[in-house]
Structure formats: structure tokens, C-alpha cells
Amino acid sequence: MAFRKFLPMFDRVLVERLAAETMSKGGIMLPEKAQGKVLQATVVAVGPGSTNQKGKLTPMSVKVGEKVLLPEYGGTKVNLEDKEYFLFRDADILGKYVE
């Protein structure tokens, strides 16, 4: 497990994007260029949080295992053990899905 060996610093969140849809709802196979950028991801690791001006720790708003909505652009690509992950700041994550 790559994310067990990697702990993000401060308010960073390590996510793994979900796989792109390869088939339309009507059953038509989609070529790679027609597939949209996947904005949904699963959180695999979170940092401890950031400190405010008074020195108190601000807790993270997401937890490991939650599904989140990412911005279209941004994030830092990280390759760990041949898998592609992305690092985002906690404030950059647009929202999380609740079940």
C-alpha cells in the first residue's frame, strides 16, 4: 500500500481519481479523447491539519475513504509504486459525497 508509506504534510490531502467511464449510458464504447476528466476521487491519506495564527491546529474537513469532488485544474501529481495519486490542499477540495 503506497499511501501507508506516504503521509501528507500540514493541510494536504492525497487522493486517487476514480476511473473514467469507458461506456455511455446507452452502451456505446467511448474513445479516450471523448472521455471527460474525472473530478471524483477517493481520499487515501490526509495530513494532520494546518495551524492558525494563534498556533492551534485546524482539523481536516475530509477523512480517509471519503469520496470528494475535485477542481478541474490544480493538484500535484505523485507517482507511488506505479500508481498515480494527486495532492490537494484541504481548502481546494470542492465538496464530499455523503451516503
N, C-alpha and C. Protein backbone atom coordinates (compact mmCIF):
# COMPACT_ATOMS: atom_id res chain seq x y z
N MET A 1 0.83 -1.18 0.00
CA MET A 1 0.00 0.00 0.00
C MET A 1 0.88 1.25 0.00
N ALA A 2 0.86 1.96 -1.09
CA ALA A 2 1.73 3.13 -1.24
C ALA A 2 1.36 4.24 -0.27
N PHE A 3 0.09 4.46 -0.02
CA PHE A 3 -0.32 5.58 0.81
C PHE A 3 0.01 5.36 2.28
N ARG A 4 0.32 4.15 2.69
CA ARG A 4 0.73 3.91 4.07
C ARG A 4 2.17 4.35 4.29
N LYS A 5 2.93 4.44 3.22
CA LYS A 5 4.31 4.86 3.31
C LYS A 5 4.44 6.37 3.09
N PHE A 6 3.36 7.04 2.75
CA PHE A 6 3.40 8.47 2.43
C PHE A 6 2.36 9.20 3.28
N LEU A 7 2.81 10.16 4.05
CA LEU A 7 1.92 10.96 4.88
C LEU A 7 2.01 12.41 4.43
N PRO A 8 0.92 13.00 3.94
CA PRO A 8 0.95 14.41 3.52
C PRO A 8 1.24 15.34 4.69
N MET A 9 1.87 16.45 4.40
CA MET A 9 2.19 17.43 5.43
C MET A 9 1.08 18.47 5.54
N PHE A 10 0.94 19.03 6.73
CA PHE A 10 0.03 20.14 7.03
C PHE A 10 -1.40 19.86 6.56
N ASP A 11 -1.94 20.69 5.67
CA ASP A 11 -3.34 20.55 5.26
C ASP A 11 -3.48 19.90 3.89
N ARG A 12 -2.55 19.04 3.54
CA ARG A 12 -2.59 18.37 2.24
C ARG A 12 -3.40 17.08 2.32
N VAL A 13 -4.03 16.74 1.18
CA VAL A 13 -4.86 15.54 1.07
C VAL A 13 -4.38 14.75 -0.15
N LEU A 14 -4.08 13.48 0.03
CA LEU A 14 -3.67 12.60 -1.07
C LEU A 14 -4.90 11.85 -1.56
N VAL A 15 -5.20 11.99 -2.86
CA VAL A 15 -6.40 11.36 -3.42
C VAL A 15 -6.03 10.50 -4.63
N GLU A 16 -6.90 9.54 -4.90
CA GLU A 16 -6.79 8.71 -6.10
C GLU A 16 -8.04 8.94 -6.92
N ARG A 17 -7.85 9.45 -8.14
CA ARG A 17 -9.01 9.73 -9.01
C ARG A 17 -9.71 8.42 -9.40
N LEU A 18 -11.02 8.51 -9.53
CA LEU A 18 -11.80 7.35 -9.96
C LEU A 18 -11.57 7.13 -11.45
N ALA A 19 -11.79 5.93 -11.92
CA ALA A 19 -11.58 5.59 -13.33
C ALA A 19 -12.62 6.27 -14.21
N ALA A 20 -12.20 6.67 -15.39
CA ALA A 20 -13.10 7.33 -16.34
C ALA A 20 -14.10 6.32 -16.91
N GLU A 21 -15.29 6.80 -17.21
CA GLU A 21 -16.32 5.95 -17.81
C GLU A 21 -15.89 5.59 -19.23
N THR A 22 -15.88 4.30 -19.55
CA THR A 22 -15.49 3.86 -20.89
C THR A 22 -16.69 3.51 -21.75
N MET A 23 -17.89 3.54 -21.15
CA MET A 23 -19.10 3.20 -21.90
C MET A 23 -20.19 4.19 -21.52
N SER A 24 -20.93 4.65 -22.52
CA SER A 24 -22.02 5.60 -22.26
C SER A 24 -23.21 4.87 -21.64
N LYS A 25 -24.18 5.63 -21.18
CA LYS A 25 -25.38 5.03 -20.58
C LYS A 25 -26.14 4.18 -21.59
N GLY A 26 -26.01 4.51 -22.87
CA GLY A 26 -26.68 3.75 -23.92
C GLY A 26 -25.90 2.53 -24.37
N GLY A 27 -24.71 2.29 -23.79
CA GLY A 27 -23.92 1.11 -24.12
C GLY A 27 -22.90 1.32 -25.22
N ILE A 28 -22.62 2.56 -25.59
CA ILE A 28 -21.65 2.85 -26.65
C ILE A 28 -20.27 3.02 -26.03
N MET A 29 -19.28 2.36 -26.61
CA MET A 29 -17.90 2.48 -26.12
C MET A 29 -17.36 3.87 -26.45
N LEU A 30 -16.76 4.53 -25.46
CA LEU A 30 -16.21 5.87 -25.64
C LEU A 30 -14.71 5.82 -25.86
N PRO A 31 -14.20 6.52 -26.89
CA PRO A 31 -12.74 6.59 -27.06
C PRO A 31 -12.14 7.46 -25.96
N GLU A 32 -10.83 7.34 -25.75
CA GLU A 32 -10.16 8.08 -24.67
C GLU A 32 -10.34 9.58 -24.79
N LYS A 33 -10.29 10.11 -26.00
CA LYS A 33 -10.41 11.56 -26.19
C LYS A 33 -11.80 12.07 -25.87
N ALA A 34 -12.79 11.23 -25.97
CA ALA A 34 -14.17 11.65 -25.69
C ALA A 34 -14.49 11.57 -24.20
N GLN A 35 -13.67 10.87 -23.45
CA GLN A 35 -13.91 10.73 -22.02
C GLN A 35 -13.55 12.04 -21.32
N GLY A 36 -14.41 12.50 -20.46
CA GLY A 36 -14.14 13.71 -19.72
C GLY A 36 -13.15 13.48 -18.59
N LYS A 37 -12.58 14.57 -18.10
CA LYS A 37 -11.67 14.47 -16.97
C LYS A 37 -12.47 14.10 -15.73
N VAL A 38 -12.00 13.13 -15.00
CA VAL A 38 -12.71 12.65 -13.81
C VAL A 38 -12.44 13.61 -12.65
N LEU A 39 -13.51 14.15 -12.08
CA LEU A 39 -13.38 15.11 -10.99
C LEU A 39 -13.69 14.48 -9.64
N GLN A 40 -13.99 13.20 -9.63
CA GLN A 40 -14.27 12.50 -8.38
C GLN A 40 -13.05 11.69 -7.98
N ALA A 41 -12.82 11.63 -6.67
CA ALA A 41 -11.65 10.89 -6.17
C ALA A 41 -11.95 10.33 -4.79
N THR A 42 -11.12 9.39 -4.39
CA THR A 42 -11.20 8.80 -3.06
C THR A 42 -9.99 9.27 -2.26
N VAL A 43 -10.23 9.71 -1.04
CA VAL A 43 -9.14 10.17 -0.17
C VAL A 43 -8.40 8.95 0.36
N VAL A 44 -7.07 8.93 0.18
CA VAL A 44 -6.28 7.79 0.65
C VAL A 44 -5.37 8.16 1.82
N ALA A 45 -5.08 9.45 2.00
CA ALA A 45 -4.27 9.88 3.15
C ALA A 45 -4.50 11.37 3.39
N VAL A 46 -4.47 11.78 4.64
CA VAL A 46 -4.63 13.20 4.99
C VAL A 46 -3.52 13.61 5.96
N GLY A 47 -3.16 14.88 5.88
CA GLY A 47 -2.18 15.43 6.81
C GLY A 47 -2.84 15.73 8.15
N PRO A 48 -2.06 16.19 9.12
CA PRO A 48 -2.61 16.48 10.44
C PRO A 48 -3.48 17.73 10.49
N GLY A 49 -3.33 18.62 9.53
CA GLY A 49 -4.08 19.88 9.52
C GLY A 49 -3.12 21.04 9.57
N SER A 50 -3.65 22.25 9.43
CA SER A 50 -2.80 23.44 9.46
C SER A 50 -2.97 24.16 10.78
N THR A 51 -2.04 25.02 11.09
CA THR A 51 -2.14 25.80 12.32
C THR A 51 -2.62 27.20 11.99
N ASN A 52 -3.47 27.76 12.84
CA ASN A 52 -3.95 29.12 12.62
C ASN A 52 -2.98 30.12 13.25
N GLN A 53 -3.35 31.39 13.25
CA GLN A 53 -2.43 32.43 13.75
C GLN A 53 -2.16 32.30 15.25
N LYS A 54 -3.07 31.70 15.97
CA LYS A 54 -2.88 31.51 17.41
C LYS A 54 -2.09 30.24 17.73
N GLY A 55 -1.74 29.47 16.69
CA GLY A 55 -0.96 28.26 16.89
C GLY A 55 -1.78 27.01 17.14
N LYS A 56 -3.11 27.12 17.07
CA LYS A 56 -3.96 25.95 17.29
C LYS A 56 -4.13 25.19 15.98
N LEU A 57 -4.24 23.89 16.08
CA LEU A 57 -4.38 23.03 14.92
C LEU A 57 -5.81 23.09 14.38
N THR A 58 -5.94 23.39 13.10
CA THR A 58 -7.24 23.38 12.43
C THR A 58 -7.45 21.98 11.87
N PRO A 59 -8.50 21.27 12.28
CA PRO A 59 -8.68 19.89 11.81
C PRO A 59 -9.04 19.83 10.32
N MET A 60 -8.76 18.69 9.72
CA MET A 60 -9.08 18.47 8.31
C MET A 60 -10.57 18.25 8.14
N SER A 61 -11.10 18.64 6.98
CA SER A 61 -12.53 18.50 6.73
C SER A 61 -12.89 17.18 6.05
N VAL A 62 -11.89 16.41 5.62
CA VAL A 62 -12.14 15.11 4.99
C VAL A 62 -11.37 14.03 5.75
N LYS A 63 -11.83 12.80 5.58
CA LYS A 63 -11.19 11.65 6.23
C LYS A 63 -10.83 10.62 5.16
N VAL A 64 -9.97 9.71 5.52
CA VAL A 64 -9.56 8.63 4.61
C VAL A 64 -10.77 7.79 4.24
N GLY A 65 -10.92 7.50 2.95
CA GLY A 65 -12.01 6.66 2.47
C GLY A 65 -13.19 7.44 1.92
N GLU A 66 -13.26 8.74 2.17
CA GLU A 66 -14.38 9.53 1.67
C GLU A 66 -14.20 9.85 0.19
N LYS A 67 -15.32 9.99 -0.50
CA LYS A 67 -15.30 10.37 -1.91
C LYS A 67 -15.49 11.88 -1.99
N VAL A 68 -14.64 12.55 -2.77
CA VAL A 68 -14.65 14.01 -2.84
C VAL A 68 -14.75 14.49 -4.29
N LEU A 69 -15.14 15.76 -4.44
CA LEU A 69 -15.21 16.42 -5.74
C LEU A 69 -14.02 17.35 -5.85
N LEU A 70 -13.24 17.19 -6.93
CA LEU A 70 -12.02 17.96 -7.12
C LEU A 70 -12.23 19.09 -8.11
N PRO A 71 -11.40 20.14 -8.05
CA PRO A 71 -11.45 21.17 -9.08
C PRO A 71 -10.92 20.60 -10.40
N GLU A 72 -11.30 21.23 -11.50
CA GLU A 72 -10.88 20.73 -12.81
C GLU A 72 -9.38 20.84 -13.00
N TYR A 73 -8.79 21.90 -12.47
CA TYR A 73 -7.35 22.10 -12.60
C TYR A 73 -6.73 22.20 -11.22
N GLY A 74 -5.46 21.89 -11.13
CA GLY A 74 -4.75 22.01 -9.86
C GLY A 74 -4.33 20.66 -9.34
N GLY A 75 -3.71 20.69 -8.20
CA GLY A 75 -3.21 19.47 -7.60
C GLY A 75 -1.82 19.13 -8.12
N THR A 76 -1.11 18.35 -7.36
CA THR A 76 0.23 17.91 -7.72
C THR A 76 0.22 16.41 -7.93
N LYS A 77 0.67 15.98 -9.11
CA LYS A 77 0.69 14.55 -9.42
C LYS A 77 1.83 13.88 -8.68
N VAL A 78 1.53 12.75 -8.05
CA VAL A 78 2.52 11.98 -7.30
C VAL A 78 2.41 10.53 -7.75
N ASN A 79 3.52 9.93 -8.17
CA ASN A 79 3.53 8.51 -8.55
C ASN A 79 4.16 7.71 -7.41
N LEU A 80 3.36 6.80 -6.85
CA LEU A 80 3.83 5.93 -5.77
C LEU A 80 3.57 4.49 -6.17
N GLU A 81 4.63 3.72 -6.28
CA GLU A 81 4.54 2.30 -6.64
C GLU A 81 3.67 2.09 -7.88
N ASP A 82 3.99 2.80 -8.94
CA ASP A 82 3.34 2.67 -10.26
C ASP A 82 1.85 3.05 -10.25
N LYS A 83 1.39 3.78 -9.26
CA LYS A 83 0.02 4.27 -9.24
C LYS A 83 0.07 5.79 -9.19
N GLU A 84 -0.92 6.41 -9.79
CA GLU A 84 -0.96 7.86 -9.87
C GLU A 84 -1.90 8.44 -8.82
N TYR A 85 -1.38 9.32 -8.00
CA TYR A 85 -2.16 10.00 -6.96
C TYR A 85 -2.01 11.50 -7.16
N PHE A 86 -2.86 12.27 -6.48
CA PHE A 86 -2.79 13.72 -6.56
C PHE A 86 -2.85 14.31 -5.17
N LEU A 87 -2.07 15.37 -4.94
CA LEU A 87 -2.07 16.10 -3.68
C LEU A 87 -2.83 17.41 -3.85
N PHE A 88 -3.78 17.65 -2.98
CA PHE A 88 -4.55 18.89 -2.97
C PHE A 88 -4.52 19.47 -1.56
N ARG A 89 -4.68 20.77 -1.46
CA ARG A 89 -4.89 21.38 -0.16
C ARG A 89 -6.32 21.09 0.26
N ASP A 90 -6.54 21.03 1.56
CA ASP A 90 -7.87 20.76 2.09
C ASP A 90 -8.88 21.79 1.58
N ALA A 91 -8.48 23.05 1.51
CA ALA A 91 -9.38 24.12 1.06
C ALA A 91 -9.68 24.05 -0.43
N ASP A 92 -8.86 23.36 -1.22
CA ASP A 92 -9.08 23.26 -2.66
C ASP A 92 -10.15 22.23 -3.02
N ILE A 93 -10.44 21.32 -2.13
CA ILE A 93 -11.45 20.30 -2.41
C ILE A 93 -12.83 20.95 -2.36
N LEU A 94 -13.60 20.74 -3.42
CA LEU A 94 -14.87 21.44 -3.59
C LEU A 94 -15.98 20.90 -2.72
N GLY A 95 -15.97 19.61 -2.43
CA GLY A 95 -17.02 19.02 -1.61
C GLY A 95 -16.80 17.55 -1.43
N LYS A 96 -17.64 16.94 -0.60
CA LYS A 96 -17.54 15.49 -0.41
C LYS A 96 -18.93 14.88 -0.55
N TYR A 97 -18.93 13.65 -1.01
CA TYR A 97 -20.18 12.92 -1.23
C TYR A 97 -20.58 12.21 0.06
N VAL A 98 -21.83 12.34 0.44
CA VAL A 98 -22.34 11.65 1.63
C VAL A 98 -23.27 10.55 1.18
N GLU A 99 -23.25 9.47 1.90
CA GLU A 99 -24.07 8.31 1.53
C GLU A 99 -25.27 8.19 2.41
